[in-house]
Protein backbone atom coordinates (compact mmCIF):
# COMPACT_ATOMS: atom_id res chain seq x y z
CA MET A 1 27.88 119.14 72.96
CA THR A 2 29.67 120.96 70.18
CA TRP A 3 33.23 120.72 69.03
CA ASP A 4 33.71 124.23 70.35
CA TYR A 5 32.87 123.01 73.86
CA PHE A 6 35.38 120.16 73.60
CA ASP A 7 37.98 122.58 72.34
CA LYS A 8 37.47 124.82 75.39
CA VAL A 9 37.70 121.84 77.75
CA ALA A 10 40.90 120.69 76.06
CA SER A 11 42.35 124.18 76.38
CA VAL A 12 41.56 124.28 80.11
CA VAL A 13 43.04 120.81 80.67
CA SER A 14 46.20 121.62 78.72
CA GLY A 15 46.54 124.86 80.64
CA LEU A 16 46.21 123.04 83.95
CA LEU A 17 48.80 120.48 82.86
CA ALA A 18 51.19 123.22 81.81
CA LEU A 19 50.67 124.98 85.15
CA ALA A 20 51.28 121.73 87.04
CA ALA A 21 54.46 121.12 85.05
CA ALA A 22 55.66 124.62 85.81
CA ILE A 23 54.93 124.22 89.52
CA LEU A 24 56.72 120.88 89.54
CA ALA A 25 59.75 122.39 87.81
CA VAL A 26 59.87 125.25 90.30
CA ARG A 27 59.60 122.83 93.21
CA ARG A 28 62.39 120.70 91.81
CA HIS A 29 64.52 123.79 91.32
CA LEU A 30 63.86 124.96 94.86
CA ARG A 31 64.47 121.48 96.22
CA GLY A 32 67.81 121.46 94.46
CA ARG A 33 68.66 124.80 96.06
CA ARG A 34 67.24 124.10 99.49
CA GLY A 35 69.79 123.28 102.14
CA ARG A 36 72.78 124.05 99.96
CA GLY A 37 74.77 125.15 102.98
CA TRP A 38 76.70 121.91 102.65
CA TRP A 39 77.97 122.98 99.24
CA ALA A 40 79.11 126.37 100.49
CA ALA A 41 80.78 124.75 103.49
CA LEU A 42 82.68 122.20 101.41
CA SER A 43 83.64 124.47 98.51
CA PRO A 44 86.91 125.62 100.16
CA LEU A 45 87.89 121.97 100.62
CA TRP A 46 87.15 121.13 97.00
CA ARG A 47 89.01 124.17 95.69
CA ALA A 48 92.06 123.18 97.72
CA GLN A 49 91.85 119.55 96.59
CA SER A 50 91.61 120.53 92.93
CA GLU A 51 94.85 122.48 93.32
CA GLU A 52 96.64 119.80 95.34
CA ALA A 53 96.97 117.17 92.58
CA ILE A 54 100.64 117.86 92.05
CA VAL A 55 103.82 115.91 92.52
CA HIS A 56 106.17 117.59 94.97
CA PRO A 57 108.57 119.70 92.86
CA HIS A 58 112.17 118.57 92.45
CA ARG A 59 114.53 121.06 90.87
CA ILE A 60 116.54 119.31 88.18
CA ALA A 61 118.59 121.53 85.87
CA GLY A 62 116.15 124.36 86.38
CA GLY A 63 113.02 122.28 85.76
CA TYR A 64 110.28 120.83 87.89
CA VAL A 65 108.34 117.62 87.88
CA ARG A 66 105.07 118.27 86.06
CA PRO A 67 101.74 118.40 87.88
CA LEU A 68 100.22 115.02 88.63
CA SER A 69 96.92 116.01 87.04
CA GLU A 70 98.72 116.42 83.70
CA VAL A 71 100.69 113.18 83.71
CA TYR A 72 98.54 110.79 85.72
CA VAL A 73 97.88 107.46 84.00
CA ALA A 74 94.75 105.59 85.11
CA ARG A 75 95.65 102.54 87.16
CA ARG A 76 94.35 98.99 87.38
CA VAL A 77 94.03 96.61 90.31
CA VAL A 78 93.57 92.87 90.80
CA SER A 79 91.69 91.14 93.57
CA ARG A 80 94.01 89.63 96.16
CA LEU A 81 91.85 86.54 96.61
CA ASP A 82 90.80 86.16 92.98
CA PRO A 83 93.55 87.55 90.72
CA ALA A 84 92.70 85.24 87.82
CA VAL A 85 89.61 87.34 87.10
CA GLY A 86 92.03 89.93 85.78
CA PRO A 87 92.62 93.63 86.35
CA VAL A 88 89.87 96.20 86.76
CA ALA A 89 90.01 99.98 86.77
CA ALA A 90 91.17 101.35 90.11
CA GLU A 91 88.51 104.06 89.83
CA SER A 92 85.85 101.37 90.30
CA LEU A 93 87.00 101.01 93.91
CA LEU A 94 85.99 104.61 94.58
CA THR A 95 82.31 104.19 93.83
CA GLY A 96 81.67 100.62 94.92
CA SER A 97 80.40 99.38 98.26
CA GLY A 98 82.26 98.22 101.33
CA HIS A 99 85.71 99.06 102.61
CA VAL A 100 88.81 98.45 100.48
CA LEU A 101 92.44 97.59 101.20
CA LEU A 102 94.81 98.57 98.38
CA ILE A 103 98.31 97.05 98.49
CA GLY A 104 101.15 98.24 96.30
CA GLU A 105 104.91 97.97 96.11
CA PRO A 106 107.12 101.01 96.88
CA GLY A 107 106.66 103.71 94.26
CA SER A 108 103.63 102.01 92.71
CA GLY A 109 101.49 105.14 92.92
CA LYS A 110 99.20 104.51 95.89
CA SER A 111 99.41 108.06 97.19
CA ALA A 112 99.19 109.48 93.67
CA LEU A 113 95.95 107.54 93.21
CA VAL A 114 94.57 109.05 96.43
CA ARG A 115 95.57 112.56 95.44
CA GLN A 116 94.10 112.15 91.96
CA ALA A 117 90.86 110.72 93.40
CA CYS A 118 90.51 113.70 95.72
CA ALA A 119 91.14 116.16 92.90
CA SER A 120 88.71 114.46 90.49
CA SER A 121 86.01 114.29 93.15
CA ALA A 122 86.52 117.97 93.94
CA ARG A 123 86.19 118.99 90.30
CA TRP A 124 82.96 117.00 89.93
CA TRP A 125 81.41 118.59 93.00
CA LEU A 126 82.48 122.11 92.06
CA ALA A 127 81.08 121.68 88.56
CA GLY A 128 77.71 120.68 90.04
CA ARG A 129 77.48 123.97 91.94
CA GLY A 130 75.45 122.37 94.70
CA ARG A 131 72.90 120.63 92.48
CA LEU A 132 73.00 116.92 93.20
CA ARG A 133 71.38 116.06 89.88
CA ARG A 134 74.33 117.66 88.09
CA THR A 135 76.91 115.78 90.13
CA PRO A 136 77.88 112.22 89.16
CA PRO A 137 76.77 109.65 91.71
CA GLY A 138 79.48 108.94 94.19
CA PRO A 139 81.02 109.99 97.48
CA VAL A 140 82.92 113.03 98.65
CA VAL A 141 86.54 111.87 98.63
CA VAL A 142 89.00 113.02 101.28
CA GLY A 143 92.52 111.83 102.03
CA LEU A 144 94.03 111.17 105.43
CA PRO A 145 97.52 109.89 106.28
CA ALA A 146 97.38 106.80 108.45
CA THR A 147 99.63 108.51 110.97
CA ALA A 148 96.71 110.80 111.80
CA LEU A 149 94.85 107.84 113.33
CA VAL A 150 97.44 107.31 116.03
CA HIS A 151 95.79 108.19 119.36
CA GLN A 152 92.54 109.51 117.85
CA PRO A 153 89.48 108.09 116.05
CA LEU A 154 88.58 108.79 112.45
CA PRO A 155 86.12 111.72 112.96
CA ALA A 156 88.56 113.57 115.21
CA ALA A 157 91.45 112.91 112.83
CA LEU A 158 89.48 114.27 109.87
CA ALA A 159 88.34 117.32 111.83
CA GLU A 160 91.92 118.10 112.81
CA ALA A 161 93.30 117.49 109.33
CA TYR A 162 90.84 119.85 107.64
CA ARG A 163 90.17 122.37 110.39
CA ASP A 164 91.83 125.22 108.47
CA MET A 165 89.79 124.64 105.31
CA VAL A 166 86.42 123.60 106.74
CA PRO A 167 86.43 124.61 110.41
CA GLY A 168 83.70 123.02 112.46
CA LEU A 169 82.67 120.51 109.80
CA ASP A 170 81.14 117.40 111.36
CA PHE A 171 82.64 114.40 109.59
CA ALA A 172 80.32 112.10 111.53
CA ARG A 173 77.44 113.35 109.34
CA GLU A 174 76.88 112.79 105.65
CA PRO A 175 78.61 115.48 103.56
CA ALA A 176 75.65 116.05 101.23
CA PRO A 177 72.08 114.75 101.08
CA ASP A 178 72.16 110.98 100.56
CA ARG A 179 75.90 110.99 99.91
CA ALA A 180 78.75 109.50 101.96
CA TRP A 181 82.40 110.21 102.57
CA LEU A 182 85.11 108.09 100.99
CA VAL A 183 88.06 108.41 103.36
CA CYS A 184 91.33 107.33 101.75
CA VAL A 185 93.62 106.39 104.64
CA ASP A 186 97.03 106.48 103.03
CA GLY A 187 100.22 104.74 104.08
CA VAL A 188 99.61 102.35 106.96
CA ASP A 189 103.16 101.08 106.43
CA ALA A 190 104.45 104.63 107.06
CA VAL A 191 103.45 104.34 110.73
CA ALA A 192 106.91 103.35 111.92
CA ASP A 193 106.18 102.27 115.49
CA PRO A 194 104.68 98.73 115.59
CA ASP A 195 102.39 99.56 118.51
CA ASP A 196 101.11 102.69 116.78
CA ARG A 197 100.59 100.72 113.57
CA ALA A 198 98.62 98.09 115.48
CA GLU A 199 96.45 100.84 116.95
CA VAL A 200 95.73 102.25 113.49
CA LEU A 201 94.86 98.82 112.11
CA ASN A 202 92.56 98.09 115.04
CA ARG A 203 90.76 101.42 114.52
CA LEU A 204 90.24 100.60 110.87
CA ALA A 205 89.05 97.09 111.66
CA ALA A 206 86.56 98.47 114.20
CA LEU A 207 85.01 100.65 111.48
CA ALA A 208 84.24 97.54 109.43
CA ARG A 209 82.80 95.66 112.40
CA ALA A 210 80.47 98.44 113.56
CA PRO A 211 76.78 98.22 112.53
CA ALA A 212 75.67 100.64 109.84
CA PRO A 213 74.40 103.68 111.81
CA PRO A 214 77.19 103.82 114.43
CA ALA A 215 79.80 103.12 111.77
CA GLY A 216 79.31 106.61 110.34
CA PRO A 217 78.62 107.81 106.80
CA TRP A 218 81.96 106.57 105.51
CA ARG A 219 83.52 104.12 103.22
CA VAL A 220 87.22 103.63 103.85
CA LEU A 221 89.93 102.89 101.30
CA VAL A 222 93.22 101.96 102.97
CA THR A 223 96.52 102.03 101.09
CA THR A 224 99.69 100.33 102.22
CA ARG A 225 102.75 98.50 101.12
CA GLN A 226 102.91 94.80 101.88
CA LEU A 227 102.37 94.27 105.62
CA ALA A 228 103.20 91.28 107.77
CA GLU A 229 100.56 88.55 107.69
CA ASN A 230 99.42 89.18 111.26
CA GLU A 231 98.88 92.85 110.39
CA LEU A 232 96.92 92.06 107.23
CA ALA A 233 94.79 89.65 109.23
CA VAL A 234 93.64 92.45 111.56
CA LEU A 235 91.58 94.00 108.77
CA GLY A 236 90.25 90.54 107.91
CA PRO A 237 87.08 90.09 105.88
CA GLY A 238 85.91 93.64 106.55
CA TYR A 239 88.09 94.95 103.73
CA ALA A 240 88.14 93.70 100.15
CA ALA A 241 91.85 93.48 99.31
CA TYR A 242 93.34 94.47 95.95
CA HIS A 243 96.84 94.86 94.51
CA LEU A 244 97.92 97.71 92.25
CA THR A 245 99.27 96.32 89.00
CA PRO A 246 102.53 97.63 87.50
CA PHE A 247 102.65 99.87 84.46
CA THR A 248 102.27 98.02 81.18
CA ASP A 249 104.14 99.04 78.03
CA PRO A 250 101.09 101.03 76.81
CA ASP A 251 100.97 102.75 80.21
CA VAL A 252 104.62 103.77 79.83
CA GLY A 253 103.80 105.16 76.38
CA ARG A 254 100.83 107.13 77.70
CA PHE A 255 102.94 108.46 80.55
CA ALA A 256 105.67 109.63 78.16
CA HIS A 257 103.24 111.45 75.87
CA ARG A 258 101.68 113.20 78.86
CA TRP A 259 104.99 114.09 80.46
CA PHE A 260 106.74 115.62 77.48
CA PRO A 261 105.34 118.71 75.75
CA SER A 262 105.73 117.28 72.25
CA ALA A 263 105.16 113.89 70.69
CA VAL A 264 108.66 114.06 69.19
CA ALA A 265 110.24 114.37 72.65
CA ALA A 266 108.09 111.53 73.95
CA ARG A 267 109.18 109.24 71.10
CA ARG A 268 112.84 110.15 71.64
CA PHE A 269 112.51 109.35 75.34
CA LEU A 270 110.89 105.98 74.60
CA SER A 271 113.60 105.22 72.05
CA TRP A 272 116.23 105.96 74.71
CA VAL A 273 114.40 103.68 77.15
CA ASP A 274 114.40 100.84 74.64
CA HIS A 275 118.06 101.42 73.78
CA GLN A 276 118.89 101.25 77.50
CA ARG A 277 116.70 98.14 77.91
CA ALA A 278 115.05 99.99 80.77
CA ARG A 279 111.42 99.06 80.08
CA PRO A 280 111.21 96.69 83.07
CA ALA A 281 112.42 99.47 85.39
CA LEU A 282 109.67 101.77 84.13
CA ARG A 283 106.90 99.39 85.18
CA ASN A 284 107.10 101.27 88.49
CA PRO A 285 105.56 104.79 88.32
CA LEU A 286 108.24 106.23 90.61
CA THR A 287 111.11 105.03 88.45
CA ALA A 288 109.20 106.05 85.30
CA THR A 289 108.90 109.58 86.68
CA ILE A 290 112.56 109.68 87.65
CA ALA A 291 113.66 108.32 84.26
CA ALA A 292 111.69 111.05 82.50
CA ALA A 293 113.15 113.76 84.74
CA VAL A 294 116.71 112.43 84.35
CA TRP A 295 116.46 112.17 80.56
CA GLN A 296 114.76 115.56 80.21
CA ALA A 297 117.47 117.24 82.29
CA GLY A 298 120.26 115.69 80.22
CA LEU A 299 121.55 113.67 83.17
CA ALA A 300 121.22 110.24 81.58
CA GLY A 301 124.89 109.86 80.73
CA PRO A 302 126.46 107.14 78.58
CA ASP A 303 126.24 104.29 81.08
CA PRO A 304 123.26 101.89 81.04
CA VAL A 305 120.38 102.65 83.39
CA ALA A 306 118.38 99.44 83.14
CA ASP A 307 118.72 99.01 86.91
CA PRO A 308 116.30 101.26 88.86
CA ALA A 309 119.03 101.85 91.45
CA VAL A 310 121.16 103.53 88.77
CA LEU A 311 118.31 105.87 87.87
CA LEU A 312 117.79 106.79 91.50
CA ASP A 313 121.54 107.28 92.03
CA ARG A 314 121.62 109.87 89.26
CA PHE A 315 118.44 111.57 90.34
CA VAL A 316 119.43 111.78 94.01
CA GLY A 317 122.93 112.86 93.01
CA ALA A 318 121.43 115.74 91.04
CA LEU A 319 119.26 116.71 94.01
CA LEU A 320 122.26 116.70 96.33
CA GLY A 321 124.20 118.75 93.81
CA GLY A 322 121.38 121.27 93.66
CA GLY A 323 121.49 121.63 97.44
CA ARG A 324 125.27 121.86 97.68
CA ALA A 325 125.29 125.68 97.79
CA SER A 326 123.32 125.71 101.04
CA PHE A 327 125.67 123.10 102.49
CA ASP A 328 128.76 125.09 101.46
CA THR A 329 127.29 128.23 103.03
CA THR A 330 126.84 126.34 106.29
CA CYS A 331 130.45 125.14 106.17
CA ASP A 332 131.65 128.71 105.55
CA THR A 333 129.59 129.94 108.50
CA LEU A 334 131.21 127.31 110.70
CA ARG A 335 134.68 128.22 109.44
CA ARG A 336 134.22 131.88 110.37
CA ALA A 337 133.07 131.04 113.88
CA VAL A 338 135.38 130.64 116.87
CA ARG A 339 136.68 127.04 117.04
CA GLY A 340 134.62 126.26 113.94
CA GLY A 341 137.47 125.60 111.49
CA PRO A 342 138.07 121.92 112.35
CA VAL A 343 134.32 121.29 112.38
CA ALA A 344 133.94 122.87 108.93
CA ASP A 345 136.85 120.84 107.55
CA TRP A 346 135.30 117.65 108.94
CA LEU A 347 131.84 118.47 107.58
CA THR A 348 132.90 119.55 104.10
CA GLU A 349 133.44 115.97 102.92
CA ARG A 350 130.28 114.60 104.53
CA HIS A 351 127.36 116.13 102.66
CA THR A 352 125.99 112.80 101.45
CA GLU A 353 126.60 111.15 104.81
CA LEU A 354 124.69 113.93 106.57
CA VAL A 355 121.68 113.43 104.30
CA GLU A 356 121.92 109.64 104.74
CA VAL A 357 121.69 110.10 108.52
CA ALA A 358 118.58 112.23 108.06
CA ALA A 359 117.10 109.68 105.66
CA ALA A 360 117.68 106.77 108.05
CA ALA A 361 116.01 108.73 110.84
CA THR A 362 112.98 109.56 108.69
CA VAL A 363 112.45 105.91 107.80
CA THR A 364 112.29 104.96 111.47
CA GLY A 365 109.99 107.85 112.42
CA VAL A 366 112.68 110.00 114.08
CA ASP A 367 113.03 113.75 113.51
CA PRO A 368 115.75 114.01 110.82
CA VAL A 369 117.07 117.36 112.06
CA ALA A 370 117.48 116.06 115.61
CA ALA A 371 119.19 112.92 114.27
CA VAL A 372 121.75 114.96 112.32
CA VAL A 373 122.40 117.19 115.33
CA ASP A 374 123.05 114.11 117.49
CA TRP A 375 125.22 112.49 114.80
CA SER A 376 127.37 115.59 114.33
CA ALA A 377 127.75 116.04 118.08
CA GLY A 378 129.13 112.52 118.37
CA GLN A 379 131.32 112.49 115.25
CA ALA A 380 132.67 116.01 114.71
CA PRO A 381 135.93 117.21 116.33
CA TYR A 382 133.85 119.68 118.31
CA GLN A 383 130.10 119.81 118.78
CA PRO A 384 128.69 122.07 116.03
CA ASP A 385 125.83 123.26 118.25
CA ARG A 386 128.44 124.75 120.58
CA VAL A 387 129.99 126.60 117.66
CA LEU A 388 126.67 127.77 116.19
CA PRO A 389 123.84 128.08 118.71
CA ASP A 390 121.35 127.80 115.82
CA TRP A 391 123.02 124.70 114.37
CA ASP A 392 119.67 122.91 114.06
CA ARG A 393 118.40 125.74 111.83
CA HIS A 394 121.39 125.32 109.53
CA VAL A 395 120.81 121.56 109.36
CA ARG A 396 117.19 122.16 108.49
CA GLN A 397 118.14 124.51 105.65
CA VAL A 398 120.67 122.03 104.28
CA LEU A 399 118.07 119.25 104.20
CA LEU A 400 115.37 121.43 102.64
CA ALA A 401 117.79 122.56 99.94
CA THR A 402 118.15 119.00 98.66
CA GLY A 403 114.45 118.74 97.78
CA LEU A 404 114.39 115.34 99.47
CA PHE A 405 112.67 116.79 102.52
CA SER A 406 109.81 119.22 102.90
CA ASP A 407 108.28 121.18 105.73
CA ALA A 408 105.52 118.88 106.96
CA GLY A 409 103.89 121.78 108.78
CA ALA A 410 103.65 124.04 105.74
CA GLY A 411 100.75 124.27 103.33
CA ARG A 412 97.02 123.86 103.72
CA VAL A 413 96.88 120.09 104.08
CA PRO A 414 100.12 118.50 105.29
CA ALA A 415 101.12 115.09 104.07
CA ALA A 416 102.34 112.06 105.95
CA ARG A 417 104.33 110.73 103.00
CA SER A 418 104.47 110.74 99.26
CA GLY A 419 101.92 113.53 98.93
CA ALA A 420 99.07 111.91 100.80
CA ALA A 421 96.34 114.49 101.02
CA GLY A 422 95.22 115.40 104.49
CA GLY A 423 96.69 115.08 107.92
CA PRO A 424 97.15 116.80 111.25
CA ALA A 425 99.67 119.58 111.25
CA PRO A 426 102.94 118.35 112.73
CA ALA A 427 104.97 120.37 115.18
CA SER A 428 106.62 123.44 113.73
CA GLY A 429 109.94 122.62 112.12
CA THR A 430 109.25 118.93 111.49
CA LEU A 431 110.58 117.70 108.17
CA ALA A 432 109.04 114.85 106.18
CA ALA A 433 110.23 112.87 103.19
CA THR A 434 109.12 114.43 99.93
CA TRP A 435 109.17 111.02 98.25
CA PRO A 436 109.77 108.06 100.58
CA GLY A 437 111.37 105.93 97.88
CA LEU A 438 114.17 108.43 97.36
CA VAL A 439 114.80 108.78 101.09
CA GLU A 440 114.83 104.99 101.50
CA HIS A 441 117.31 104.77 98.64
CA LEU A 442 119.64 107.11 100.53
CA ALA A 443 119.05 105.37 103.85
CA ALA A 444 120.13 102.10 102.21
CA GLY A 445 123.62 103.45 101.54
CA PRO A 446 125.36 102.15 104.68
CA LEU A 447 123.91 98.63 104.30
CA ALA A 448 124.72 98.55 100.58
CA ARG A 449 128.35 99.54 101.26
CA ASP A 450 128.81 97.23 104.25
CA TRP A 451 126.66 94.31 103.12
CA SER A 452 125.36 91.88 105.70
CA ALA A 453 122.87 89.12 104.96
CA GLN A 454 121.65 89.14 108.54
CA ARG A 455 121.03 92.90 108.56
CA TRP A 456 119.29 92.62 105.19
CA ILE A 457 116.96 89.88 106.47
CA THR A 458 116.17 92.00 109.53
CA ALA A 459 115.34 94.98 107.30
CA MET A 460 113.17 92.97 104.90
CA THR A 461 111.16 91.42 107.74
CA SER A 462 110.47 94.83 109.34
CA THR A 463 107.63 96.88 107.85
CA PRO A 464 109.25 100.35 108.13
CA GLN A 465 112.70 99.09 107.04
CA ARG A 466 111.56 97.02 104.06
CA GLY A 467 112.17 99.78 101.53
CA VAL A 468 115.70 100.21 102.85
CA GLY A 469 116.34 96.49 102.39
CA LEU A 470 114.93 96.62 98.85
CA TRP A 471 117.23 99.43 97.74
CA ALA A 472 120.24 98.07 99.62
CA MET A 473 119.91 94.83 97.67
CA SER A 474 119.75 96.81 94.42
CA ARG A 475 122.81 98.88 95.26
CA ALA A 476 125.03 96.25 96.87
CA THR A 477 127.38 93.78 95.24
CA VAL A 478 125.63 90.53 96.10
CA ALA A 479 126.88 87.05 95.29
CA PRO A 480 124.93 85.11 92.62
CA GLY A 481 122.37 82.82 94.17
CA PHE A 482 122.04 84.98 97.29
CA LEU A 483 118.24 84.80 97.41
CA GLN A 484 118.20 81.04 96.96
CA ASP A 485 120.80 80.64 99.70
CA VAL A 486 119.00 82.74 102.32
CA ALA A 487 115.63 81.21 101.37
CA ARG A 488 116.72 77.85 102.76
CA ASP A 489 115.88 79.17 106.22
CA PRO A 490 112.45 80.44 107.31
CA ALA A 491 113.39 84.05 108.07
CA GLY A 492 115.44 84.24 104.88
CA ALA A 493 112.59 82.84 102.79
CA VAL A 494 110.23 85.43 104.25
CA ALA A 495 112.78 88.17 103.51
CA ALA A 496 113.25 86.94 99.93
CA GLY A 497 109.48 86.78 99.48
CA HIS A 498 109.08 90.36 100.69
CA TYR A 499 111.86 91.42 98.33
CA LEU A 500 110.00 89.99 95.34
CA ALA A 501 106.66 91.35 96.60
CA ALA A 502 108.21 94.82 96.84
CA GLY A 503 109.18 94.70 93.17
CA GLY A 504 112.74 93.47 93.57
CA ALA A 505 114.45 92.33 90.38
CA ALA A 506 114.91 88.59 89.87
CA GLY A 507 114.84 86.21 86.94
CA PRO A 508 112.33 83.37 86.49
CA ALA A 509 114.67 80.73 87.93
CA VAL A 510 115.27 82.75 91.10
CA ARG A 511 111.57 83.49 91.47
CA SER A 512 110.72 79.81 91.11
CA ASP A 513 113.25 78.87 93.78
CA VAL A 514 111.93 81.50 96.20
CA LEU A 515 108.35 80.34 95.59
CA ALA A 516 109.44 76.76 96.24
CA ALA A 517 111.17 77.84 99.45
CA LEU A 518 108.01 79.60 100.64
CA LEU A 519 106.04 76.43 99.92
CA THR A 520 108.59 74.40 101.88
CA HIS A 521 108.36 76.63 104.95
CA TRP A 522 104.59 76.74 104.66
CA SER A 523 104.69 73.00 105.42
CA PRO A 524 104.44 71.98 109.11
CA ARG A 525 108.19 71.56 109.50
CA PRO A 526 110.09 74.75 108.68
CA GLY A 527 113.85 74.54 108.84
CA PRO A 528 116.25 76.16 111.31
CA ALA A 529 116.67 79.89 111.62
CA VAL A 530 119.57 81.87 110.25
CA ASP A 531 122.31 82.44 112.82
CA GLY A 532 121.94 85.85 114.44
CA VAL A 533 118.38 86.37 113.22
CA ASP A 534 115.54 85.96 115.66
CA PRO A 535 113.48 82.97 114.47
CA LEU A 536 109.80 83.43 113.83
CA PRO A 537 107.41 81.08 115.62
CA VAL A 538 106.44 78.10 113.47
CA ARG A 539 102.84 79.25 113.17
CA ASP A 540 103.93 82.76 112.18
CA VAL A 541 106.33 81.36 109.57
CA ARG A 542 103.60 79.33 107.93
CA GLN A 543 101.11 82.20 107.93
CA GLU A 544 103.70 84.68 106.65
CA CYS A 545 104.74 82.33 103.85
CA PHE A 546 101.12 81.78 102.83
CA ALA A 547 100.45 85.53 102.85
CA LEU A 548 103.50 86.14 100.66
CA LEU A 549 102.50 83.39 98.25
CA THR A 550 99.07 85.04 98.03
CA THR A 551 100.65 88.41 97.31
CA LEU A 552 103.13 87.10 94.76
CA THR A 553 100.55 85.07 92.84
CA ALA A 554 98.47 88.19 92.32
CA ALA A 555 100.89 88.67 89.39
CA THR A 556 100.33 86.36 86.44
CA VAL A 557 104.05 85.69 85.97
CA ASN A 558 104.41 84.35 89.52
CA ARG A 559 101.15 82.40 89.30
CA ASP A 560 102.40 80.66 86.17
CA LEU A 561 105.77 79.93 87.78
CA LEU A 562 104.07 78.40 90.80
CA ARG A 563 102.02 76.12 88.56
CA GLU A 564 105.24 75.00 86.91
CA VAL A 565 106.70 74.28 90.35
CA ALA A 566 103.65 72.16 91.17
CA VAL A 567 104.33 69.77 88.28
CA ASP A 568 108.13 69.95 88.12
CA PRO A 569 109.45 66.42 88.84
CA ARG A 570 112.77 67.91 89.93
CA ARG A 571 111.09 69.54 92.91
CA PRO A 572 110.70 67.60 96.16
CA THR A 573 107.37 65.90 96.68
CA VAL A 574 106.62 68.10 99.69
CA VAL A 575 106.96 71.21 97.51
CA ARG A 576 104.71 69.89 94.74
CA ARG A 577 102.08 68.81 97.25
CA ALA A 578 102.26 72.18 98.99
CA ALA A 579 101.73 73.94 95.65
CA ALA A 580 98.62 71.86 94.93
CA LEU A 581 97.34 72.50 98.46
CA PHE A 582 97.98 76.23 98.08
CA PHE A 583 95.86 76.48 94.93
CA ALA A 584 93.12 74.37 96.53
CA THR A 585 93.13 76.59 99.62
CA ARG A 586 92.97 79.71 97.48
CA ARG A 587 89.98 78.36 95.56
CA ARG A 588 88.13 77.79 98.83
CA GLN A 589 88.85 81.38 99.85
CA GLN A 590 87.48 82.87 96.66
CA PRO A 591 83.98 84.32 96.38
CA ALA A 592 81.26 81.96 95.23
CA GLY A 593 81.56 81.14 91.55
CA ALA A 594 85.10 82.46 91.22
CA ALA A 595 86.80 79.12 91.85
CA ARG A 596 85.53 77.72 88.58
CA ALA A 597 86.98 80.67 86.74
CA ASP A 598 90.35 80.19 88.43
CA SER A 599 90.54 76.44 87.93
CA GLY A 600 91.25 76.86 84.26
CA ASN A 601 93.91 79.53 84.66
């Protein structure tokens, strides 16, 4: 054989290989395009999600809160059962395995995280244009308010929530080849009725218990504020529990530089924050946002604003001022009507009170417009709805003008609270809180002005009322040592623990005393109940105290304080023993290998 022969053979072989490579490339290309109906079907959803990553606008001196996508600061979380491992990126929860429970204090950014996750997922999928190889590995993220799961299972709730964007989409099937849904069920604590909340929790728990095929192509991420221990226990081991960590000082700096259009403005804002000694208040994303809006609008004023309640007072006051024109128009309309003069005179001085009534109703799951109509009928010299047949429409306009309430039935994907993406369309005319923290701040007004320890304990031990209790404590004039005093009794200790878990302000000495009280009531012999407050059963007291200790020690500062309590000779022996037992119990609850890591922390 000659070299010419070998050259011809090599040419044929190389040609065949090139042809095979071309055929393979074409097949891969066609495979990537085959069955891309899923991409076309989901594109409207993704386009809507990518546009929905905004904070609800509040008009302050002619400005608006900036879009969430521009100011969002990546968050971190710590494991509830193994916090000593340290914080990890919250985004890691979106692509992991298993269901997740994410717990955060009021205003900590749970719903913002959900909205940002939906928007980021949508942008990734749209950029891939239906080619899976061009799309980062991960699920299709959708949001759903927990209220949507009342009286209907997850697939039906999703279908109803997104019927306008993706009509007929079957959420019981995988969204794309070999991909799953990540359903972010937002705001379990926002389900005001205890029976409804229990139904939602049981539905979520059933998803974790179901075997793989019947369970559906979903992972579920549940967000909530701190729940009662018996409610947390419903989800049990089926959900890996995490806590959102507060903003750090670098986070506050990043937020400022994203919020303000220039670095100079950001530095001036941070200088003002330091001058006001307000850094601790800005560890909460809600108060950080409000501080930026207040400072930017020139509403800061000369008085200190280190207390978050002061920031919210100024912000809410500005919102009420912005809505005053609508309120005055309503009063003028009443005054021109037959027999409306006395009603208008009565109403003129009650703008804030009217909005407080609406806020209190919203917190308890009642229609705010109906609540104001009932309140005015019982308090005014003459029933306003007999003066103006469309009185409810006027009330609705007054509430919308404040910016504190929004039309829950408007828009493509209504929200249950705090901008949670997704949800069934409420009845026409229903108003929802734009930001729950602001509405709770207003609803706390009556309790803050007419302070009652018993009413405060009742609020703090009730899931839907806990935010009201938190802000009432911040706004009221409370005697020094109040938390230590109420913590002597079981219900008071639970209330004080929830106050700290919700981000309530307290110094190290107060925190140590509350932790010691929780340890005391975790022992088999809790003390007597506070007069006028329904006592919790002994078993419930112990479990609730243990759950609160678990929540509080997710933060390093509280974990260190509890270790100091455990060795403090001034503490009773029962407290020191309970502290040692608590840490031992926690180590047994940790995943294998984690206990050794915690033992040295």
